[in-house]
N, C-alpha and C. Protein backbone atom coordinates (compact mmCIF):
# COMPACT_ATOMS: atom_id res chain seq x y z
N MET A 1 -11.89 1.78 19.12
CA MET A 1 -12.16 1.34 17.60
C MET A 1 -13.23 0.62 17.39
N ASN A 2 -13.87 0.89 16.36
CA ASN A 2 -15.27 0.11 15.96
C ASN A 2 -14.87 -0.77 15.14
N LYS A 3 -16.14 -1.81 14.48
CA LYS A 3 -15.76 -3.04 13.96
C LYS A 3 -15.21 -2.40 12.43
N ILE A 4 -15.42 -1.41 11.73
CA ILE A 4 -14.97 -0.94 10.58
C ILE A 4 -13.56 -0.75 10.74
N GLU A 5 -13.23 -0.01 11.82
CA GLU A 5 -11.92 0.49 11.80
C GLU A 5 -11.11 -0.79 12.16
N LEU A 6 -11.49 -1.68 12.72
CA LEU A 6 -10.78 -2.86 13.02
C LEU A 6 -10.56 -3.66 11.71
N LEU A 7 -11.49 -3.88 10.92
CA LEU A 7 -11.40 -4.61 9.56
C LEU A 7 -10.39 -3.96 8.69
N LEU A 8 -10.42 -2.65 8.54
CA LEU A 8 -9.50 -1.87 7.85
C LEU A 8 -8.22 -1.81 8.41
N HIS A 9 -7.89 -2.14 9.78
CA HIS A 9 -6.60 -2.06 10.16
C HIS A 9 -6.16 -3.74 9.78
N GLY A 10 -6.87 -4.65 9.84
CA GLY A 10 -6.81 -6.06 9.37
C GLY A 10 -6.30 -6.17 7.92
N TRP A 11 -7.10 -5.27 7.15
CA TRP A 11 -7.07 -5.24 5.63
C TRP A 11 -5.68 -4.45 5.22
N ASP A 12 -5.30 -3.59 6.01
CA ASP A 12 -4.06 -2.85 5.55
C ASP A 12 -2.67 -3.79 6.05
N SER A 13 -3.07 -4.52 7.14
CA SER A 13 -1.76 -5.12 7.76
C SER A 13 -1.56 -6.40 6.74
N CYS A 14 -2.69 -7.01 6.29
CA CYS A 14 -2.36 -8.10 5.60
C CYS A 14 -1.96 -7.71 4.09
N TYR A 15 -2.03 -6.40 3.80
CA TYR A 15 -1.51 -6.36 2.35
C TYR A 15 0.03 -5.30 2.28
N GLU A 16 -0.18 -4.32 3.02
CA GLU A 16 0.82 -3.55 2.89
C GLU A 16 1.57 -2.70 4.25
N LYS A 17 1.12 -3.13 5.59
CA LYS A 17 1.39 -2.62 6.61
C LYS A 17 1.80 -3.59 7.64
N GLU A 18 3.12 -3.53 7.83
CA GLU A 18 3.71 -4.69 8.85
C GLU A 18 3.14 -4.66 10.00
N ASP A 19 2.54 -5.75 10.56
CA ASP A 19 2.17 -6.00 12.02
C ASP A 19 2.79 -6.93 12.63
N TRP A 20 2.27 -7.97 13.01
CA TRP A 20 2.93 -9.22 13.68
C TRP A 20 3.65 -10.04 12.38
N TYR A 21 3.46 -10.04 11.30
CA TYR A 21 3.89 -10.76 10.18
C TYR A 21 4.22 -9.89 9.04
N PRO A 22 5.05 -10.11 8.08
CA PRO A 22 5.48 -9.18 6.87
C PRO A 22 4.00 -9.06 6.12
N PRO A 23 3.65 -7.98 5.62
CA PRO A 23 2.53 -8.16 4.63
C PRO A 23 2.69 -8.97 3.11
N LEU A 24 1.67 -8.90 2.61
CA LEU A 24 1.84 -9.35 1.38
C LEU A 24 2.76 -8.62 0.31
N THR A 25 2.74 -7.50 0.21
CA THR A 25 3.40 -6.75 -0.74
C THR A 25 4.75 -7.03 -0.56
N ASP A 26 5.34 -6.98 0.85
CA ASP A 26 6.73 -7.22 1.42
C ASP A 26 7.10 -8.83 0.89
N ALA A 27 6.05 -9.68 0.99
CA ALA A 27 6.30 -11.07 0.85
C ALA A 27 6.50 -11.37 -1.02
N LEU A 28 6.08 -10.37 -1.65
CA LEU A 28 6.13 -10.11 -3.13
C LEU A 28 7.10 -9.39 -3.67
N LYS A 29 7.65 -8.65 -2.97
CA LYS A 29 8.60 -7.61 -3.33
C LYS A 29 9.79 -8.12 -3.96
N GLY A 30 10.28 -7.68 -5.07
CA GLY A 30 11.20 -8.08 -5.81
C GLY A 30 11.39 -9.39 -6.39
N LEU A 31 10.26 -10.06 -6.58
CA LEU A 31 10.14 -11.33 -7.16
C LEU A 31 10.50 -11.29 -8.62
N THR A 32 11.37 -12.29 -9.03
CA THR A 32 11.33 -12.35 -10.63
C THR A 32 10.28 -13.34 -11.04
N VAL A 33 10.07 -13.38 -12.15
CA VAL A 33 9.05 -14.21 -12.81
C VAL A 33 9.52 -15.83 -12.57
N GLU A 34 10.63 -15.93 -12.59
CA GLU A 34 11.21 -17.22 -12.49
C GLU A 34 11.03 -17.76 -10.89
N GLN A 35 11.21 -16.82 -10.11
CA GLN A 35 10.86 -17.16 -8.64
C GLN A 35 9.58 -17.20 -8.29
N ALA A 36 8.70 -16.55 -8.86
CA ALA A 36 7.22 -16.71 -8.84
C ALA A 36 6.46 -17.87 -9.43
N ASN A 37 7.09 -18.45 -10.41
CA ASN A 37 6.96 -19.85 -10.95
C ASN A 37 7.64 -20.92 -10.41
N TRP A 38 8.44 -20.79 -9.22
CA TRP A 38 9.28 -21.93 -8.84
C TRP A 38 8.41 -22.70 -8.06
N ARG A 39 8.75 -24.01 -7.94
CA ARG A 39 7.98 -24.91 -7.08
C ARG A 39 9.33 -25.89 -6.78
N PRO A 40 8.98 -26.58 -5.33
CA PRO A 40 9.74 -27.63 -5.14
C PRO A 40 9.87 -28.74 -5.76
N ALA A 41 11.04 -29.31 -5.81
CA ALA A 41 11.03 -30.86 -6.58
C ALA A 41 10.37 -31.72 -5.86
N GLY A 42 9.41 -32.56 -6.43
CA GLY A 42 9.11 -33.63 -5.74
C GLY A 42 7.84 -33.74 -5.09
N GLU A 43 7.27 -32.60 -4.71
CA GLU A 43 6.05 -32.12 -3.92
C GLU A 43 5.02 -31.31 -4.82
N HIS A 44 3.90 -31.57 -4.60
CA HIS A 44 2.86 -30.56 -5.17
C HIS A 44 2.54 -29.56 -4.30
N VAL A 45 3.32 -28.50 -4.82
CA VAL A 45 3.06 -27.07 -3.94
C VAL A 45 2.79 -26.09 -5.07
N ASN A 46 1.61 -25.17 -4.87
CA ASN A 46 1.35 -24.27 -5.76
C ASN A 46 2.42 -23.29 -5.84
N THR A 47 2.65 -22.59 -6.88
CA THR A 47 3.90 -21.53 -6.97
C THR A 47 3.28 -20.37 -6.37
N ILE A 48 4.25 -19.32 -6.02
CA ILE A 48 3.72 -18.04 -5.62
C ILE A 48 2.87 -17.44 -6.74
N TRP A 49 3.09 -17.47 -8.00
CA TRP A 49 1.89 -16.71 -9.01
C TRP A 49 0.83 -17.46 -8.81
N GLU A 50 0.66 -18.79 -8.85
CA GLU A 50 -0.61 -19.65 -8.38
C GLU A 50 -1.57 -19.04 -7.43
N THR A 51 -0.59 -18.77 -6.17
CA THR A 51 -1.28 -18.30 -5.10
C THR A 51 -1.80 -17.18 -5.16
N VAL A 52 -1.17 -16.29 -5.87
CA VAL A 52 -1.45 -14.76 -6.05
C VAL A 52 -2.85 -14.84 -6.93
N HIS A 53 -2.77 -15.58 -7.84
CA HIS A 53 -4.20 -15.90 -8.90
C HIS A 53 -5.17 -16.22 -7.89
N HIS A 54 -5.01 -17.15 -7.01
CA HIS A 54 -6.10 -17.49 -6.10
C HIS A 54 -6.56 -16.56 -5.23
N LEU A 55 -5.55 -15.67 -4.62
CA LEU A 55 -6.06 -14.59 -3.78
C LEU A 55 -6.96 -13.59 -4.69
N ILE A 56 -6.20 -13.23 -5.78
CA ILE A 56 -7.13 -12.25 -6.68
C ILE A 56 -8.67 -12.82 -6.90
N PHE A 57 -8.48 -13.84 -7.21
CA PHE A 57 -10.24 -14.71 -7.61
C PHE A 57 -11.05 -14.33 -6.22
N TYR A 58 -10.58 -14.45 -5.19
CA TYR A 58 -11.53 -14.42 -4.21
C TYR A 58 -11.81 -12.97 -3.64
N LYS A 59 -10.68 -12.03 -3.86
CA LYS A 59 -10.91 -10.69 -3.84
C LYS A 59 -11.89 -10.14 -4.80
N GLU A 60 -11.72 -10.59 -6.02
CA GLU A 60 -12.55 -10.23 -7.06
C GLU A 60 -14.06 -10.45 -6.66
N ARG A 61 -14.14 -11.63 -6.28
CA ARG A 61 -15.53 -12.13 -5.81
C ARG A 61 -16.22 -11.02 -4.96
N LEU A 62 -15.48 -10.72 -3.81
CA LEU A 62 -16.17 -9.91 -2.76
C LEU A 62 -16.18 -8.45 -3.59
N LEU A 63 -15.53 -8.25 -4.35
CA LEU A 63 -15.59 -6.84 -4.77
C LEU A 63 -16.78 -6.72 -5.78
N TYR A 64 -16.84 -7.79 -6.42
CA TYR A 64 -18.24 -7.90 -7.52
C TYR A 64 -19.51 -7.92 -6.62
N ARG A 65 -19.27 -8.52 -5.38
CA ARG A 65 -20.35 -8.53 -4.57
C ARG A 65 -20.92 -7.31 -4.03
N MET A 66 -19.73 -6.32 -3.55
CA MET A 66 -19.82 -5.15 -3.21
C MET A 66 -20.35 -4.12 -4.22
N THR A 67 -20.00 -4.50 -5.44
CA THR A 67 -20.53 -3.46 -6.43
C THR A 67 -21.79 -4.05 -7.12
N GLY A 68 -22.40 -5.05 -6.67
CA GLY A 68 -23.61 -5.79 -7.33
C GLY A 68 -23.32 -6.37 -8.79
N GLN A 69 -22.23 -6.62 -8.92
CA GLN A 69 -21.83 -7.28 -10.19
C GLN A 69 -21.84 -8.96 -10.26
N GLU A 70 -21.63 -9.55 -9.10
CA GLU A 70 -22.05 -10.84 -8.95
C GLU A 70 -23.37 -11.22 -8.57
N THR A 71 -24.04 -12.00 -9.34
CA THR A 71 -25.31 -12.34 -8.95
C THR A 71 -25.16 -13.87 -8.72
N GLU A 72 -24.35 -14.61 -9.23
CA GLU A 72 -24.22 -16.05 -9.16
C GLU A 72 -22.85 -16.42 -8.92
N TYR A 73 -22.56 -17.65 -8.35
CA TYR A 73 -21.30 -18.26 -8.07
C TYR A 73 -20.76 -18.52 -9.34
N PRO A 74 -19.47 -18.20 -9.61
CA PRO A 74 -18.83 -18.61 -10.80
C PRO A 74 -18.76 -19.97 -10.83
N ASP A 75 -18.75 -20.58 -12.07
CA ASP A 75 -18.83 -22.09 -12.34
C ASP A 75 -17.25 -22.36 -12.70
N SER A 76 -16.77 -22.54 -11.39
CA SER A 76 -15.46 -23.03 -11.45
C SER A 76 -15.00 -23.79 -10.12
N THR A 77 -13.85 -24.50 -10.05
CA THR A 77 -13.61 -25.26 -8.68
C THR A 77 -12.42 -24.31 -8.00
N ASN A 78 -12.13 -24.53 -6.85
CA ASN A 78 -11.15 -24.09 -6.15
C ASN A 78 -9.71 -24.16 -6.97
N ASP A 79 -9.44 -25.33 -7.44
CA ASP A 79 -8.16 -25.58 -8.29
C ASP A 79 -8.12 -24.63 -9.36
N ASP A 80 -9.31 -24.18 -9.99
CA ASP A 80 -9.11 -23.44 -11.22
C ASP A 80 -8.72 -22.03 -10.78
N THR A 81 -8.89 -21.75 -9.57
CA THR A 81 -8.42 -20.32 -9.30
C THR A 81 -6.80 -20.02 -9.10
N PHE A 82 -6.09 -21.31 -9.08
CA PHE A 82 -4.57 -21.26 -9.11
C PHE A 82 -3.92 -21.28 -10.54
N VAL A 83 -4.61 -21.41 -11.55
CA VAL A 83 -4.18 -21.24 -12.91
C VAL A 83 -3.60 -20.28 -13.58
N VAL A 84 -2.31 -20.36 -13.82
CA VAL A 84 -1.32 -19.33 -14.58
C VAL A 84 -1.51 -19.57 -16.20
N GLU A 85 -2.19 -18.89 -16.93
CA GLU A 85 -2.02 -19.11 -18.32
C GLU A 85 -1.06 -18.48 -19.05
N ASP A 86 -0.42 -17.45 -18.61
CA ASP A 86 0.60 -16.55 -19.38
C ASP A 86 1.77 -16.18 -18.18
N SER A 87 3.07 -16.90 -18.56
CA SER A 87 4.13 -16.84 -17.44
C SER A 87 5.13 -15.83 -18.10
N SER A 88 4.65 -14.78 -18.95
CA SER A 88 5.77 -13.98 -19.29
C SER A 88 5.80 -12.66 -18.06
N SER A 89 7.01 -11.76 -18.13
CA SER A 89 7.13 -10.81 -17.54
C SER A 89 6.01 -9.75 -17.39
N GLU A 90 5.57 -9.66 -18.54
CA GLU A 90 4.36 -8.82 -18.52
C GLU A 90 3.14 -9.12 -17.64
N ALA A 91 2.93 -10.34 -17.96
CA ALA A 91 1.92 -10.69 -17.15
C ALA A 91 1.76 -10.99 -15.87
N TRP A 92 3.11 -11.28 -15.36
CA TRP A 92 3.63 -11.14 -13.85
C TRP A 92 3.23 -9.67 -13.27
N GLU A 93 3.76 -8.77 -14.01
CA GLU A 93 3.47 -7.30 -13.72
C GLU A 93 1.97 -7.00 -13.60
N GLU A 94 0.99 -7.44 -14.59
CA GLU A 94 -0.20 -7.40 -14.85
C GLU A 94 -0.95 -7.92 -13.67
N THR A 95 -0.49 -9.00 -13.20
CA THR A 95 -0.91 -9.91 -12.01
C THR A 95 -1.00 -9.11 -10.66
N LEU A 96 0.37 -8.63 -10.59
CA LEU A 96 0.54 -7.63 -9.26
C LEU A 96 -0.25 -6.34 -9.17
N ALA A 97 -0.39 -5.63 -10.60
CA ALA A 97 -1.27 -4.60 -10.59
C ALA A 97 -2.73 -4.92 -10.46
N ARG A 98 -3.17 -6.24 -10.88
CA ARG A 98 -4.58 -6.38 -10.71
C ARG A 98 -4.75 -6.77 -9.03
N LEU A 99 -3.72 -7.32 -8.43
CA LEU A 99 -3.89 -7.67 -7.08
C LEU A 99 -4.28 -6.47 -6.17
N GLN A 100 -3.07 -5.50 -6.64
CA GLN A 100 -3.48 -3.95 -5.80
C GLN A 100 -4.55 -3.36 -6.25
N ALA A 101 -4.85 -3.41 -7.38
CA ALA A 101 -6.26 -2.62 -7.75
C ALA A 101 -7.57 -3.20 -7.00
N VAL A 102 -7.60 -4.67 -6.89
CA VAL A 102 -8.58 -5.39 -6.51
C VAL A 102 -8.60 -5.08 -4.92
N HIS A 103 -7.49 -5.08 -4.12
CA HIS A 103 -7.20 -5.01 -2.70
C HIS A 103 -7.79 -3.27 -2.37
N GLN A 104 -7.16 -2.34 -3.35
CA GLN A 104 -7.64 -1.03 -2.95
C GLN A 104 -9.10 -0.97 -3.22
N GLY A 105 -9.53 -1.38 -4.25
CA GLY A 105 -11.09 -1.17 -4.57
C GLY A 105 -11.80 -1.65 -3.35
N ILE A 106 -11.56 -2.72 -2.74
CA ILE A 106 -12.33 -3.08 -1.62
C ILE A 106 -12.16 -2.25 -0.37
N ARG A 107 -10.89 -1.84 -0.07
CA ARG A 107 -10.57 -0.94 0.89
C ARG A 107 -11.43 0.36 0.74
N GLU A 108 -11.41 0.94 -0.42
CA GLU A 108 -12.10 2.16 -0.61
C GLU A 108 -13.59 2.02 -0.34
N ARG A 109 -14.03 0.96 -0.80
CA ARG A 109 -15.62 0.59 -0.49
C ARG A 109 -15.70 0.31 1.21
N MET A 110 -14.71 -0.30 1.74
CA MET A 110 -14.80 -0.34 3.27
C MET A 110 -14.96 0.92 3.91
N ALA A 111 -13.78 1.77 3.59
CA ALA A 111 -13.62 2.92 4.33
C ALA A 111 -14.95 3.76 4.13
N ARG A 112 -15.95 3.55 3.27
CA ARG A 112 -17.10 4.40 3.44
C ARG A 112 -18.24 3.64 3.88
N TRP A 113 -17.94 2.63 4.37
CA TRP A 113 -19.19 1.61 5.08
C TRP A 113 -19.66 2.65 6.39
N GLU A 114 -20.90 2.37 6.64
CA GLU A 114 -21.51 2.56 7.82
C GLU A 114 -21.63 1.41 8.77
N GLU A 115 -21.98 1.54 10.01
CA GLU A 115 -21.85 0.43 10.69
C GLU A 115 -22.85 -0.63 10.31
N SER A 116 -23.95 -0.31 9.64
CA SER A 116 -25.04 -1.33 8.87
C SER A 116 -24.33 -2.10 7.94
N ASP A 117 -23.33 -1.40 7.31
CA ASP A 117 -22.91 -2.24 5.92
C ASP A 117 -22.02 -3.51 6.40
N PHE A 118 -21.52 -3.32 7.63
CA PHE A 118 -20.82 -4.53 8.26
C PHE A 118 -21.77 -5.77 8.34
N GLU A 119 -23.05 -5.45 8.54
CA GLU A 119 -23.74 -6.73 8.88
C GLU A 119 -24.59 -6.83 7.59
N HIS A 120 -24.38 -6.21 6.39
CA HIS A 120 -25.27 -6.44 5.20
C HIS A 120 -24.88 -7.73 4.90
N ILE A 121 -26.03 -8.41 4.28
CA ILE A 121 -25.93 -9.90 3.66
C ILE A 121 -25.94 -9.60 2.30
N TYR A 122 -25.26 -9.97 1.44
CA TYR A 122 -25.32 -9.95 0.04
C TYR A 122 -26.45 -10.86 -0.55
N PRO A 123 -27.07 -10.63 -1.69
CA PRO A 123 -28.10 -11.73 -2.13
C PRO A 123 -27.60 -12.96 -2.48
N ASN A 124 -28.26 -14.16 -1.88
CA ASN A 124 -27.87 -15.34 -2.08
C ASN A 124 -26.65 -15.92 -1.30
N ARG A 125 -26.44 -15.19 -0.21
CA ARG A 125 -25.10 -15.26 0.70
C ARG A 125 -25.89 -15.63 2.14
N MET A 126 -25.15 -16.26 2.96
CA MET A 126 -25.42 -16.51 4.33
C MET A 126 -24.79 -15.74 5.26
N HIS A 127 -23.54 -15.04 4.83
CA HIS A 127 -22.71 -14.26 5.80
C HIS A 127 -22.81 -12.85 5.61
N PRO A 128 -22.70 -11.96 6.71
CA PRO A 128 -22.52 -10.63 6.52
C PRO A 128 -21.16 -10.09 5.67
N SER A 129 -21.18 -9.03 5.20
CA SER A 129 -20.05 -8.59 4.68
C SER A 129 -18.92 -8.47 5.36
N GLY A 130 -18.98 -8.00 6.67
CA GLY A 130 -17.89 -7.99 7.45
C GLY A 130 -17.15 -9.23 7.88
N SER A 131 -17.97 -10.14 7.75
CA SER A 131 -17.63 -11.68 7.91
C SER A 131 -16.80 -12.04 6.75
N TRP A 132 -17.12 -11.78 5.62
CA TRP A 132 -16.49 -12.04 4.32
C TRP A 132 -15.29 -11.43 4.32
N VAL A 133 -15.05 -10.18 4.61
CA VAL A 133 -13.75 -9.29 4.66
C VAL A 133 -12.88 -9.99 5.70
N ASN A 134 -13.25 -10.44 6.89
CA ASN A 134 -12.57 -10.95 7.83
C ASN A 134 -11.90 -12.14 7.55
N SER A 135 -12.81 -13.12 6.85
CA SER A 135 -12.32 -14.30 6.11
C SER A 135 -11.14 -13.97 5.35
N LEU A 136 -11.27 -13.04 4.31
CA LEU A 136 -10.26 -12.67 3.43
C LEU A 136 -8.88 -12.24 4.04
N ILE A 137 -9.00 -11.33 5.28
CA ILE A 137 -7.91 -11.24 5.81
C ILE A 137 -7.03 -12.13 6.31
N LEU A 138 -7.88 -13.31 7.03
CA LEU A 138 -7.18 -14.62 7.25
C LEU A 138 -6.52 -15.24 6.32
N HIS A 139 -7.39 -15.41 5.26
CA HIS A 139 -7.06 -16.25 4.01
C HIS A 139 -5.75 -15.43 3.57
N ASP A 140 -5.57 -14.13 3.37
CA ASP A 140 -4.17 -13.55 3.11
C ASP A 140 -3.07 -14.03 3.86
N ALA A 141 -3.57 -13.83 5.30
CA ALA A 141 -2.35 -14.22 6.16
C ALA A 141 -1.79 -15.50 5.74
N TYR A 142 -2.78 -16.44 5.72
CA TYR A 142 -2.51 -17.96 5.47
C TYR A 142 -1.42 -18.15 4.21
N HIS A 143 -2.06 -17.43 3.28
CA HIS A 143 -1.24 -17.70 2.11
C HIS A 143 0.02 -16.90 1.83
N THR A 144 0.13 -15.80 2.42
CA THR A 144 1.44 -15.00 2.77
C THR A 144 2.32 -15.62 3.34
N GLY A 145 2.02 -16.46 4.42
CA GLY A 145 3.03 -17.45 5.08
C GLY A 145 3.49 -18.58 4.17
N GLN A 146 2.57 -18.81 3.18
CA GLN A 146 2.93 -20.02 2.42
C GLN A 146 3.96 -19.46 1.33
N ILE A 147 3.80 -18.38 0.80
CA ILE A 147 4.60 -17.52 -0.14
C ILE A 147 6.08 -17.22 0.47
N MET A 148 6.09 -17.00 1.82
CA MET A 148 7.43 -16.83 2.47
C MET A 148 8.26 -18.16 2.71
N LEU A 149 7.23 -19.10 2.94
CA LEU A 149 8.09 -20.40 3.00
C LEU A 149 8.46 -20.96 1.76
N ILE A 150 7.94 -20.68 0.61
CA ILE A 150 8.22 -20.83 -0.68
C ILE A 150 9.57 -20.24 -0.88
N ARG A 151 9.53 -18.88 -0.71
CA ARG A 151 10.68 -17.90 -0.78
C ARG A 151 11.95 -18.49 0.12
N LYS A 152 11.54 -18.90 1.24
CA LYS A 152 12.65 -19.37 2.15
C LYS A 152 13.45 -20.55 1.37
N LEU A 153 12.51 -21.51 0.80
CA LEU A 153 13.00 -22.80 0.19
C LEU A 153 14.04 -22.35 -0.98
N GLN A 154 13.50 -21.41 -1.60
CA GLN A 154 14.34 -21.16 -3.00
C GLN A 154 15.33 -20.17 -2.68
N GLY A 155 15.78 -19.91 -1.33
CA GLY A 155 16.74 -18.74 -1.05
C GLY A 155 16.62 -17.39 -1.37
N SER A 156 15.36 -17.02 -1.40
CA SER A 156 14.96 -15.60 -2.00
C SER A 156 14.38 -14.69 -0.63
N TRP A 157 14.28 -15.25 0.31
CA TRP A 157 13.87 -14.74 1.45
C TRP A 157 14.96 -14.63 2.48
N PRO A 158 15.08 -13.53 3.42
CA PRO A 158 15.98 -13.56 4.34
C PRO A 158 15.86 -14.74 5.53
N SER A 159 16.73 -15.49 5.95
CA SER A 159 16.70 -16.36 7.20
C SER A 159 16.48 -15.53 8.32
N ARG A 160 17.01 -14.37 8.46
CA ARG A 160 16.41 -13.41 9.47
C ARG A 160 16.13 -12.03 9.19
N ARG A 161 15.12 -11.68 9.87
CA ARG A 161 14.63 -10.13 9.90
C ARG A 161 14.81 -9.53 11.02
N PHE A 162 15.22 -8.33 10.86
CA PHE A 162 15.44 -7.55 12.14
C PHE A 162 14.43 -6.32 12.02
N PHE A 163 14.04 -5.95 13.24
CA PHE A 163 12.80 -4.98 13.62
C PHE A 163 13.38 -3.93 14.27
N ASP A 164 13.07 -2.81 14.17
CA ASP A 164 13.42 -1.39 14.77
C ASP A 164 12.70 -1.31 16.20
C-alpha cells in the first residue's frame, strides 16, 4: 500500500467505512434536528450540528486549496466555524449534503493524485498536502467520538454495539 492508498483508506474509514470506530456517517445517521441541536445542560459543549459545521469549514478550506480557489486564510476564528445560523429541517439536510459533497470532492481529487502530489505544498502553506489530509482524518475521528458521546448522553446512541 502506498501513501496515497493509505490516505484514501483513512479518508474512507473516517467518513463512511467502519474500521476501528464507527465512521462519521454512522454517527450522524438518523439524527433529528432536535438531536443535532441538543446540548447537555450546565456545560458548554458544541452541539452535533455545530461540530458538523466545524468539520465542513476545514474540509472546504482543503478543497479550495486543492482547486486553487483559496489564496488567503479566511478572516474568521475557530469559534466562528461552529456557528449554525438556520436550525430548520431543510438546513440540516443541506448541511449533511454539503458535508458529503466536500468529503467526496476531496476524495475524488486524492484518487487522481500522483506520488508527487502527496508532497505538494500549497502557496503560503508550510505542510505538504498529504499531511493536511492526514490531519483532517484525525480531526474527523476526534470529532466523531465527540458526536457519539453527545448521542450517548442524549440516549440516541446504543449503549452496546455488536460486530459480525
